[in-house]
Protein backbone atom coordinates (compact mmCIF):
# COMPACT_ATOMS: atom_id res chain seq x y z
CA MET A 1 -127.44 85.01 338.61
CA ILE A 2 -124.61 83.31 336.73
CA ASP A 3 -123.32 84.19 333.28
CA TYR A 4 -122.29 81.11 331.30
CA ILE A 5 -120.07 81.69 328.29
CA VAL A 6 -119.51 78.88 325.79
CA VAL A 7 -116.49 79.34 323.52
CA LEU A 8 -116.62 77.11 320.45
CA GLY A 9 -113.41 75.42 319.41
CA ALA A 10 -111.56 76.00 316.16
CA PRO A 11 -108.36 74.66 314.60
CA ILE A 12 -105.14 74.64 316.59
CA CYS A 13 -101.59 74.14 315.37
CA ASP A 14 -98.49 73.10 317.27
CA GLY A 15 -100.47 73.22 320.52
CA LYS A 16 -101.39 76.90 320.02
CA PRO A 17 -104.64 78.58 318.93
CA GLY A 18 -105.03 79.05 315.19
CA LEU A 19 -106.17 82.46 313.93
CA TRP A 20 -109.90 81.72 314.26
CA LEU A 21 -109.55 80.27 317.74
CA LYS A 22 -107.33 83.12 318.90
CA SER A 23 -109.95 85.67 317.78
CA ARG A 24 -112.65 83.72 319.68
CA LEU A 25 -110.50 83.63 322.81
CA ASP A 26 -109.72 87.34 322.59
CA GLU A 27 -113.46 88.00 322.20
CA CYS A 28 -114.05 85.83 325.29
CA ILE A 29 -111.61 87.91 327.31
CA GLY A 30 -113.44 91.07 326.23
CA VAL A 31 -116.88 89.62 327.03
CA TYR A 32 -115.64 88.34 330.40
CA HIS A 33 -114.33 91.78 331.37
CA GLN A 34 -117.51 93.46 330.11
CA ILE A 35 -119.68 91.18 332.28
CA LEU A 36 -117.28 91.57 335.21
CA THR A 37 -117.57 95.37 334.94
CA GLU A 38 -121.39 95.12 334.88
CA ARG A 39 -121.65 92.66 337.76
CA GLN A 40 -118.49 92.94 339.88
CA GLU A 41 -118.71 89.20 340.68
CA GLN A 42 -116.10 87.07 338.95
CA GLN A 43 -117.22 83.87 340.69
CA ASN A 44 -120.56 84.16 338.86
CA ILE A 45 -119.02 83.93 335.40
CA LYS A 46 -118.34 80.40 334.15
CA ILE A 47 -116.69 79.77 330.80
CA ILE A 48 -117.13 76.47 328.99
CA LEU A 49 -114.30 75.77 326.55
CA SER A 50 -115.90 73.45 324.03
CA GLY A 51 -113.89 71.31 321.66
CA ARG A 52 -111.79 68.23 321.28
CA GLY A 53 -111.01 68.94 317.64
CA HIS A 54 -108.04 67.83 315.64
CA ASP A 55 -104.64 69.42 316.13
CA CYS A 56 -103.01 69.95 312.76
CA ASP A 57 -99.73 68.55 314.10
CA LYS A 58 -101.51 65.56 315.69
CA SER A 59 -100.04 66.30 319.12
CA GLY A 60 -103.19 65.00 320.80
CA ILE A 61 -103.83 68.26 322.66
CA SER A 62 -107.52 69.13 322.70
CA GLU A 63 -108.86 72.50 321.60
CA SER A 64 -110.33 72.94 325.08
CA GLN A 65 -106.89 72.46 326.67
CA VAL A 66 -105.32 74.98 324.29
CA MET A 67 -108.14 77.42 325.13
CA PHE A 68 -107.62 76.83 328.86
CA ASP A 69 -103.86 77.43 328.56
CA TYR A 70 -104.46 80.67 326.62
CA LEU A 71 -107.18 82.08 328.87
CA LYS A 72 -105.72 81.17 332.28
CA HIS A 73 -103.39 84.16 332.05
CA GLU A 74 -106.35 86.56 331.82
CA ILE A 75 -109.21 84.77 333.59
CA PRO A 76 -109.07 82.84 336.89
CA GLU A 77 -108.75 79.09 336.31
CA SER A 78 -111.72 78.50 338.63
CA ASN A 79 -113.95 80.19 336.02
CA LEU A 80 -112.78 77.91 333.18
CA ILE A 81 -114.45 74.56 332.47
CA GLN A 82 -113.22 72.21 329.74
CA GLU A 83 -115.59 70.27 327.51
CA SER A 84 -113.31 68.09 325.43
CA GLN A 85 -115.67 65.61 323.76
CA SER A 86 -117.06 67.65 320.86
CA ASN A 87 -115.72 67.53 317.31
CA ASN A 88 -118.21 69.82 315.58
CA THR A 89 -120.83 72.50 316.25
CA ILE A 90 -123.65 70.03 316.83
CA GLU A 91 -121.60 68.21 319.46
CA ASN A 92 -120.52 71.59 320.93
CA ALA A 93 -124.20 72.30 321.56
CA ILE A 94 -125.09 68.86 322.91
CA TYR A 95 -122.12 68.49 325.28
CA SER A 96 -122.28 72.12 326.42
CA TYR A 97 -125.98 71.79 327.24
CA GLN A 98 -125.30 68.56 329.16
CA LEU A 99 -122.57 70.34 331.11
CA LEU A 100 -124.86 73.32 331.77
CA LYS A 101 -127.46 70.94 333.14
CA ARG A 102 -124.89 69.40 335.51
CA LEU A 103 -123.92 72.94 336.57
CA ASN A 104 -127.59 73.63 337.37
CA LEU A 105 -128.17 76.43 334.88
CA ASP A 106 -131.26 78.34 336.03
CA ILE A 107 -133.00 79.30 332.79
CA LYS A 108 -135.08 81.93 334.55
CA GLU A 109 -132.12 83.74 336.17
CA ASP A 110 -128.86 82.87 334.42
CA ARG A 111 -127.59 84.15 331.08
CA LEU A 112 -126.03 82.09 328.29
CA HIS A 113 -123.51 83.52 325.83
CA VAL A 114 -121.91 81.72 322.88
CA ILE A 115 -118.72 82.97 321.25
CA THR A 116 -117.77 81.89 317.75
CA SER A 117 -116.38 83.41 314.56
CA ASP A 118 -118.42 86.09 312.82
CA PHE A 119 -119.03 83.92 309.75
CA HIS A 120 -120.15 81.02 311.99
CA VAL A 121 -122.75 82.81 314.17
CA LYS A 122 -125.77 82.05 312.00
CA ARG A 123 -125.09 78.30 311.81
CA SER A 124 -124.21 78.13 315.51
CA SER A 125 -127.41 79.97 316.40
CA ILE A 126 -129.54 77.57 314.36
CA ILE A 127 -127.80 74.53 315.83
CA PHE A 128 -127.82 75.68 319.48
CA ARG A 129 -131.50 76.63 319.32
CA HIS A 130 -132.51 73.46 317.50
CA ILE A 131 -130.54 71.14 319.82
CA LYS A 132 -132.09 72.90 322.82
CA ASP A 133 -135.59 72.40 321.38
CA ILE A 134 -135.29 68.76 320.32
CA THR A 135 -133.30 67.37 323.22
CA LYS A 136 -134.96 69.21 326.10
CA ILE A 137 -131.62 68.75 327.88
CA LEU A 138 -132.18 71.88 329.91
CA SER A 139 -135.90 72.49 329.84
CA LYS A 140 -138.83 72.89 327.54
CA ASP A 141 -138.99 76.53 328.60
CA ASP A 142 -137.44 79.16 326.42
CA PHE A 143 -134.37 81.09 327.44
CA SER A 144 -132.21 83.56 325.63
CA ILE A 145 -128.81 82.89 324.13
CA LYS A 146 -126.58 85.80 323.14
CA PHE A 147 -124.12 85.12 320.35
CA TRP A 148 -120.88 87.10 320.23
CA PRO A 149 -119.11 87.24 316.85
CA ALA A 150 -115.31 87.14 316.91
CA LYS A 151 -113.84 89.02 313.96
CA THR A 152 -112.27 86.82 311.32
CA ASN A 153 -109.07 88.39 310.02
CA VAL A 154 -109.01 87.16 306.44
CA ASN A 155 -109.19 88.96 303.12
CA THR A 156 -112.54 89.69 301.49
CA LYS A 157 -112.40 86.76 299.06
CA GLU A 158 -111.59 84.26 301.81
CA TYR A 159 -114.34 85.71 303.98
CA ASP A 160 -116.86 85.51 301.12
CA ASP A 161 -115.83 81.87 300.55
CA LEU A 162 -116.34 81.12 304.26
CA VAL A 163 -119.77 82.74 304.26
CA ARG A 164 -120.78 80.87 301.07
CA ARG A 165 -119.67 77.57 302.65
CA GLU A 166 -121.60 78.38 305.83
CA MET A 167 -124.74 79.14 303.81
CA GLN A 168 -124.45 75.76 302.05
CA ILE A 169 -124.17 74.01 305.40
CA ILE A 170 -127.09 75.97 306.81
CA SER A 171 -129.22 75.09 303.77
CA ALA A 172 -128.37 71.41 304.26
CA LEU A 173 -129.26 71.64 307.96
CA LEU A 174 -132.57 73.34 307.32
CA PHE A 175 -133.67 70.79 304.75
CA PHE A 176 -132.34 67.73 306.59
């Protein structure tokens, strides 16, 4: 059995993780160590770092590279896989599923985890499940996806604004 963890990208600045991305990466480290404690097999944990994104300083460094550079100090590099094509959550799902297929994900045995910000879990869940269903990239069979929310460290008003924006996007997705 292999645990696959997909970490969704978020803004970076000056080649470093922004606040949202840093919280996702810290959550990834915690999830990795939790799984490692349960299973005692680090070679059976693969982490897909998903995101090309747009660096706010236009340095050309991808989100996936910034994630790799951050995580390699805590997690063996052999467990880290970069997916640097995606620019948004829909592409995160598509390219991650294509990569999982190439990695021979066994939907009957393996486990899939997705890490994103707490305010972004609902939209990510809808997108990942929908993309899986319509593309059949992996299989027509059902498999479980566990979403891990990374805490967003913003004030209440900012958080409420983020949630409101997410709900607008979700509404648009559901009625598209």
